[in-house]
Amino acid sequence: MIALLLAFVTVQRLLELIIARRNTRALLAAGAHEVGAGHYPVMVALHTSWLLTLWAAWLMGRAELQPGAACLYLLLQPLRFWTMASLGRYWTTRIIVVPAAPLVRVGPYRYLRHPNYLIVVMEIVLLPLALGLWPLAVIFSLLNAAVLRHRLAVEGDSLRQRGNAADAASRFPAP
């Protein structure tokens, strides 16, 4: 069962990278630009090491399925898909600025400022907990918090520079 859960997450992440790459290329070709690219390799390394560490723990026999946390993790997935669908062609794993595009305010973005980030934060906690690996939940949550703090600051700066200063200040307070 653990192997199926990890395989699901691995395939999901790989498919998301394909979608993100396609959307990023299309947005850049249409005149958008990327900001904060320097942190992107760190973010990719974090997420890759998170998943590889979970696989390694399972392969070494250290993972034990915790049904409650596994169910919570799986319950997040429709929210993840809803978030991606709400952003549509704007969904990407990079910070891509589309100069004249309004902020998305549909789907979960009607209720939350950063539903995608909230879901990822919860996933980084819940998947290790679903495998009975609470130390990994703590370690990767702390690492993710550092990357996310930087990313939110970069996004906020890009919105302010784009001319949405009032909205950016309310959505992305300075750290």
C-alpha atoms as a PDB file:
ATOM      1  CA  MET A   1       0.000   0.000   0.000  1.00  0.00           C
ATOM      2  CA  ILE A   2       2.850   2.420   0.813  1.00  0.00           C
ATOM      3  CA  ALA A   3       4.446   1.749  -2.562  1.00  0.00           C
ATOM      4  CA  LEU A   4       1.160   2.648  -4.287  1.00  0.00           C
ATOM      5  CA  LEU A   5       0.872   5.878  -2.338  1.00  0.00           C
ATOM      6  CA  LEU A   6       4.461   6.865  -3.120  1.00  0.00           C
ATOM      7  CA  ALA A   7       4.048   5.872  -6.765  1.00  0.00           C
ATOM      8  CA  PHE A   8       0.887   7.992  -6.973  1.00  0.00           C
ATOM      9  CA  VAL A   9       2.715  11.034  -5.577  1.00  0.00           C
ATOM     10  CA  THR A  10       5.736  10.472  -7.826  1.00  0.00           C
ATOM     11  CA  VAL A  11       3.667  10.173 -11.000  1.00  0.00           C
ATOM     12  CA  GLN A  12       1.535  13.138  -9.945  1.00  0.00           C
ATOM     13  CA  ARG A  13       4.605  15.338  -9.426  1.00  0.00           C
ATOM     14  CA  LEU A  14       6.147  14.299 -12.733  1.00  0.00           C
ATOM     15  CA  LEU A  15       2.920  15.076 -14.596  1.00  0.00           C
ATOM     16  CA  GLU A  16       2.707  18.421 -12.836  1.00  0.00           C
ATOM     17  CA  LEU A  17       6.229  19.273 -13.964  1.00  0.00           C
ATOM     18  CA  ILE A  18       5.213  18.524 -17.554  1.00  0.00           C
ATOM     19  CA  ILE A  19       2.133  20.754 -17.240  1.00  0.00           C
ATOM     20  CA  ALA A  20       4.147  23.492 -15.540  1.00  0.00           C
ATOM     21  CA  ARG A  21       6.833  23.413 -18.221  1.00  0.00           C
ATOM     22  CA  ARG A  22       4.206  23.615 -20.980  1.00  0.00           C
ATOM     23  CA  ASN A  23       2.409  26.514 -19.291  1.00  0.00           C
ATOM     24  CA  THR A  24       5.665  28.333 -18.547  1.00  0.00           C
ATOM     25  CA  ARG A  25       6.800  28.107 -22.174  1.00  0.00           C
ATOM     26  CA  ALA A  26       3.434  29.371 -23.428  1.00  0.00           C
ATOM     27  CA  LEU A  27       3.365  32.274 -20.974  1.00  0.00           C
ATOM     28  CA  LEU A  28       6.935  33.307 -21.763  1.00  0.00           C
ATOM     29  CA  ALA A  29       6.200  33.110 -25.490  1.00  0.00           C
ATOM     30  CA  ALA A  30       3.206  35.395 -24.929  1.00  0.00           C
ATOM     31  CA  GLY A  31       5.334  38.105 -23.286  1.00  0.00           C
ATOM     32  CA  ALA A  32       5.453  37.089 -19.638  1.00  0.00           C
ATOM     33  CA  HIS A  33       8.697  36.984 -17.688  1.00  0.00           C
ATOM     34  CA  GLU A  34      10.079  34.968 -14.806  1.00  0.00           C
ATOM     35  CA  VAL A  35      11.142  36.471 -11.498  1.00  0.00           C
ATOM     36  CA  GLY A  36      13.051  34.877  -8.669  1.00  0.00           C
ATOM     37  CA  ALA A  37      14.466  32.083 -10.792  1.00  0.00           C
ATOM     38  CA  GLY A  38      17.423  31.715  -8.450  1.00  0.00           C
ATOM     39  CA  HIS A  39      15.384  29.949  -5.774  1.00  0.00           C
ATOM     40  CA  TYR A  40      13.760  27.508  -8.189  1.00  0.00           C
ATOM     41  CA  PRO A  41      16.578  24.895  -8.142  1.00  0.00           C
ATOM     42  CA  VAL A  42      16.483  24.978  -4.338  1.00  0.00           C
ATOM     43  CA  MET A  43      12.740  24.380  -4.358  1.00  0.00           C
ATOM     44  CA  VAL A  44      13.090  21.511  -6.833  1.00  0.00           C
ATOM     45  CA  ALA A  45      15.889  19.990  -4.750  1.00  0.00           C
ATOM     46  CA  LEU A  46      13.763  20.252  -1.618  1.00  0.00           C
ATOM     47  CA  HIS A  47      10.752  18.537  -3.152  1.00  0.00           C
ATOM     48  CA  THR A  48      12.891  15.903  -4.858  1.00  0.00           C
ATOM     49  CA  SER A  49      14.793  15.088  -1.675  1.00  0.00           C
ATOM     50  CA  TRP A  50      11.509  14.956   0.267  1.00  0.00           C
ATOM     51  CA  LEU A  51      10.106  12.342  -2.083  1.00  0.00           C
ATOM     52  CA  LEU A  52      13.351  10.370  -2.426  1.00  0.00           C
ATOM     53  CA  THR A  53      13.770  10.311   1.352  1.00  0.00           C
ATOM     54  CA  LEU A  54      10.265   8.891   1.751  1.00  0.00           C
ATOM     55  CA  TRP A  55      10.992   6.228  -0.873  1.00  0.00           C
ATOM     56  CA  ALA A  56      14.285   5.388   0.856  1.00  0.00           C
ATOM     57  CA  ALA A  57      12.588   5.074   4.256  1.00  0.00           C
ATOM     58  CA  TRP A  58      10.055   2.658   2.770  1.00  0.00           C
ATOM     59  CA  LEU A  59      12.736   0.635   0.964  1.00  0.00           C
ATOM     60  CA  MET A  60      14.708   0.363   4.213  1.00  0.00           C
ATOM     61  CA  GLY A  61      11.619  -0.901   6.034  1.00  0.00           C
ATOM     62  CA  ARG A  62      11.263   2.171   8.232  1.00  0.00           C
ATOM     63  CA  ALA A  63       7.852   3.297   6.981  1.00  0.00           C
ATOM     64  CA  GLU A  64       4.612   2.072   8.485  1.00  0.00           C
ATOM     65  CA  LEU A  65       1.301   3.155   7.007  1.00  0.00           C
ATOM     66  CA  GLN A  66      -0.796   5.407   9.230  1.00  0.00           C
ATOM     67  CA  PRO A  67      -4.290   5.244   7.676  1.00  0.00           C
ATOM     68  CA  GLY A  68      -5.608   8.497   9.163  1.00  0.00           C
ATOM     69  CA  ALA A  69      -2.791  10.660   7.847  1.00  0.00           C
ATOM     70  CA  ALA A  70      -2.829   8.794   4.527  1.00  0.00           C
ATOM     71  CA  CYS A  71      -6.547   9.512   4.133  1.00  0.00           C
ATOM     72  CA  LEU A  72      -6.022  13.186   4.954  1.00  0.00           C
ATOM     73  CA  TYR A  73      -3.244  13.340   2.375  1.00  0.00           C
ATOM     74  CA  LEU A  74      -5.477  11.787  -0.267  1.00  0.00           C
ATOM     75  CA  LEU A  75      -8.344  14.137   0.653  1.00  0.00           C
ATOM     76  CA  LEU A  76      -6.084  17.072  -0.221  1.00  0.00           C
ATOM     77  CA  GLN A  77      -5.680  15.913  -3.795  1.00  0.00           C
ATOM     78  CA  PRO A  78      -9.030  17.152  -5.142  1.00  0.00           C
ATOM     79  CA  LEU A  79      -8.169  20.556  -3.640  1.00  0.00           C
ATOM     80  CA  ARG A  80      -4.821  20.424  -5.433  1.00  0.00           C
ATOM     81  CA  PHE A  81      -6.521  19.653  -8.756  1.00  0.00           C
ATOM     82  CA  TRP A  82      -9.121  22.387  -8.144  1.00  0.00           C
ATOM     83  CA  THR A  83      -6.363  24.903  -7.510  1.00  0.00           C
ATOM     84  CA  MET A  84      -4.520  23.926 -10.665  1.00  0.00           C
ATOM     85  CA  ALA A  85      -7.725  24.009 -12.718  1.00  0.00           C
ATOM     86  CA  SER A  86      -8.622  27.437 -11.324  1.00  0.00           C
ATOM     87  CA  LEU A  87      -5.309  28.872 -12.502  1.00  0.00           C
ATOM     88  CA  GLY A  88      -5.581  27.029 -15.809  1.00  0.00           C
ATOM     89  CA  ARG A  89      -2.878  28.140 -18.231  1.00  0.00           C
ATOM     90  CA  TYR A  90      -1.357  30.347 -15.520  1.00  0.00           C
ATOM     91  CA  TRP A  91      -0.520  27.407 -13.247  1.00  0.00           C
ATOM     92  CA  THR A  92       3.194  26.793 -13.129  1.00  0.00           C
ATOM     93  CA  THR A  93       5.850  25.881 -10.598  1.00  0.00           C
ATOM     94  CA  ARG A  94       7.822  29.031 -11.352  1.00  0.00           C
ATOM     95  CA  ILE A  95       6.986  32.663 -10.616  1.00  0.00           C
ATOM     96  CA  ILE A  96       5.830  33.917 -13.986  1.00  0.00           C
ATOM     97  CA  VAL A  97       4.609  37.489 -14.275  1.00  0.00           C
ATOM     98  CA  VAL A  98       2.024  38.190 -16.956  1.00  0.00           C
ATOM     99  CA  PRO A  99       2.060  42.006 -17.150  1.00  0.00           C
ATOM    100  CA  ALA A 100      -1.594  42.842 -17.786  1.00  0.00           C
ATOM    101  CA  ALA A 101      -3.260  39.780 -16.308  1.00  0.00           C
ATOM    102  CA  PRO A 102      -5.569  40.300 -13.342  1.00  0.00           C
ATOM    103  CA  LEU A 103      -5.103  38.236 -10.195  1.00  0.00           C
ATOM    104  CA  VAL A 104      -7.049  34.994 -10.275  1.00  0.00           C
ATOM    105  CA  ARG A 105     -10.039  35.176  -7.939  1.00  0.00           C
ATOM    106  CA  VAL A 106     -11.965  32.042  -8.848  1.00  0.00           C
ATOM    107  CA  GLY A 107     -12.097  28.577  -7.326  1.00  0.00           C
ATOM    108  CA  PRO A 108     -10.198  28.347  -4.033  1.00  0.00           C
ATOM    109  CA  TYR A 109      -8.616  31.743  -4.763  1.00  0.00           C
ATOM    110  CA  ARG A 110     -11.967  33.276  -3.781  1.00  0.00           C
ATOM    111  CA  TYR A 111     -11.389  32.051  -0.227  1.00  0.00           C
ATOM    112  CA  LEU A 112      -7.630  31.874   0.255  1.00  0.00           C
ATOM    113  CA  ARG A 113      -4.681  33.947  -0.860  1.00  0.00           C
ATOM    114  CA  HIS A 114      -2.414  30.987  -1.552  1.00  0.00           C
ATOM    115  CA  PRO A 115      -4.360  27.740  -1.707  1.00  0.00           C
ATOM    116  CA  ASN A 116      -1.650  25.967  -3.676  1.00  0.00           C
ATOM    117  CA  TYR A 117       1.027  26.816  -1.107  1.00  0.00           C
ATOM    118  CA  LEU A 118      -1.256  25.813   1.757  1.00  0.00           C
ATOM    119  CA  ILE A 119      -1.885  22.447   0.100  1.00  0.00           C
ATOM    120  CA  VAL A 120       1.837  21.865  -0.461  1.00  0.00           C
ATOM    121  CA  VAL A 121       2.586  22.779   3.168  1.00  0.00           C
ATOM    122  CA  MET A 122      -0.003  20.248   4.299  1.00  0.00           C
ATOM    123  CA  GLU A 123       1.288  17.580   1.904  1.00  0.00           C
ATOM    124  CA  ILE A 124       4.861  17.977   3.109  1.00  0.00           C
ATOM    125  CA  VAL A 125       3.616  17.331   6.644  1.00  0.00           C
ATOM    126  CA  LEU A 126       1.008  14.664   5.938  1.00  0.00           C
ATOM    127  CA  LEU A 127       2.856  12.293   3.616  1.00  0.00           C
ATOM    128  CA  PRO A 128       5.686  11.593   6.068  1.00  0.00           C
ATOM    129  CA  LEU A 129       3.094  11.288   8.850  1.00  0.00           C
ATOM    130  CA  ALA A 130       1.175   8.833   6.653  1.00  0.00           C
ATOM    131  CA  LEU A 131       4.334   6.716   6.674  1.00  0.00           C
ATOM    132  CA  GLY A 132       4.915   7.110  10.410  1.00  0.00           C
ATOM    133  CA  LEU A 133       7.943   9.323   9.822  1.00  0.00           C
ATOM    134  CA  TRP A 134       7.238  12.368  11.993  1.00  0.00           C
ATOM    135  CA  PRO A 135      10.893  13.536  12.129  1.00  0.00           C
ATOM    136  CA  LEU A 136      10.841  13.870   8.334  1.00  0.00           C
ATOM    137  CA  ALA A 137       7.596  15.828   8.560  1.00  0.00           C
ATOM    138  CA  VAL A 138       9.299  18.305  10.896  1.00  0.00           C
ATOM    139  CA  ILE A 139      12.576  18.580   8.955  1.00  0.00           C
ATOM    140  CA  PHE A 140      11.002  19.054   5.535  1.00  0.00           C
ATOM    141  CA  SER A 141       8.350  21.413   6.897  1.00  0.00           C
ATOM    142  CA  LEU A 142      11.046  23.686   8.293  1.00  0.00           C
ATOM    143  CA  LEU A 143      13.009  23.587   5.041  1.00  0.00           C
ATOM    144  CA  ASN A 144       9.860  24.259   3.037  1.00  0.00           C
ATOM    145  CA  ALA A 145       8.956  27.180   5.301  1.00  0.00           C
ATOM    146  CA  ALA A 146      12.298  28.837   4.511  1.00  0.00           C
ATOM    147  CA  VAL A 147      11.865  28.391   0.756  1.00  0.00           C
ATOM    148  CA  LEU A 148       8.227  29.465   0.878  1.00  0.00           C
ATOM    149  CA  ARG A 149       9.022  32.594   2.881  1.00  0.00           C
ATOM    150  CA  HIS A 150      11.483  33.660   0.204  1.00  0.00           C
ATOM    151  CA  ARG A 151       9.093  32.755  -2.603  1.00  0.00           C
ATOM    152  CA  LEU A 152       6.227  34.755  -1.091  1.00  0.00           C
ATOM    153  CA  ALA A 153       8.482  37.781  -0.727  1.00  0.00           C
ATOM    154  CA  VAL A 154       9.562  37.511  -4.378  1.00  0.00           C
ATOM    155  CA  GLU A 155       5.959  37.161  -5.542  1.00  0.00           C
ATOM    156  CA  GLY A 156       4.917  40.139  -3.456  1.00  0.00           C
ATOM    157  CA  ASP A 157       7.723  42.259  -4.889  1.00  0.00           C
ATOM    158  CA  SER A 158       6.781  41.279  -8.429  1.00  0.00           C
ATOM    159  CA  LEU A 159       3.168  42.296  -7.860  1.00  0.00           C
ATOM    160  CA  ARG A 160       4.190  45.635  -6.376  1.00  0.00           C
ATOM    161  CA  GLN A 161       6.488  46.305  -9.329  1.00  0.00           C
ATOM    162  CA  ARG A 162       3.700  45.346 -11.696  1.00  0.00           C
ATOM    163  CA  GLY A 163       1.543  48.116 -10.337  1.00  0.00           C
ATOM    164  CA  ASN A 164      -0.724  46.190  -7.982  1.00  0.00           C
ATOM    165  CA  ALA A 165       0.809  47.763  -4.891  1.00  0.00           C
ATOM    166  CA  ALA A 166      -2.368  47.921  -2.826  1.00  0.00           C
ATOM    167  CA  ASP A 167      -3.347  44.342  -3.558  1.00  0.00           C
ATOM    168  CA  ALA A 168       0.201  43.067  -3.201  1.00  0.00           C
ATOM    169  CA  ALA A 169       0.627  44.717   0.183  1.00  0.00           C
ATOM    170  CA  SER A 170      -2.526  43.072   1.486  1.00  0.00           C
ATOM    171  CA  ARG A 171      -1.760  39.679  -0.017  1.00  0.00           C
ATOM    172  CA  PHE A 172       1.996  39.530   0.512  1.00  0.00           C
ATOM    173  CA  PRO A 173       3.070  41.338   3.677  1.00  0.00           C
ATOM    174  CA  ALA A 174       6.784  41.922   3.933  1.00  0.00           C
ATOM    175  CA  PRO A 175       8.553  39.318   6.079  1.00  0.00           C
END
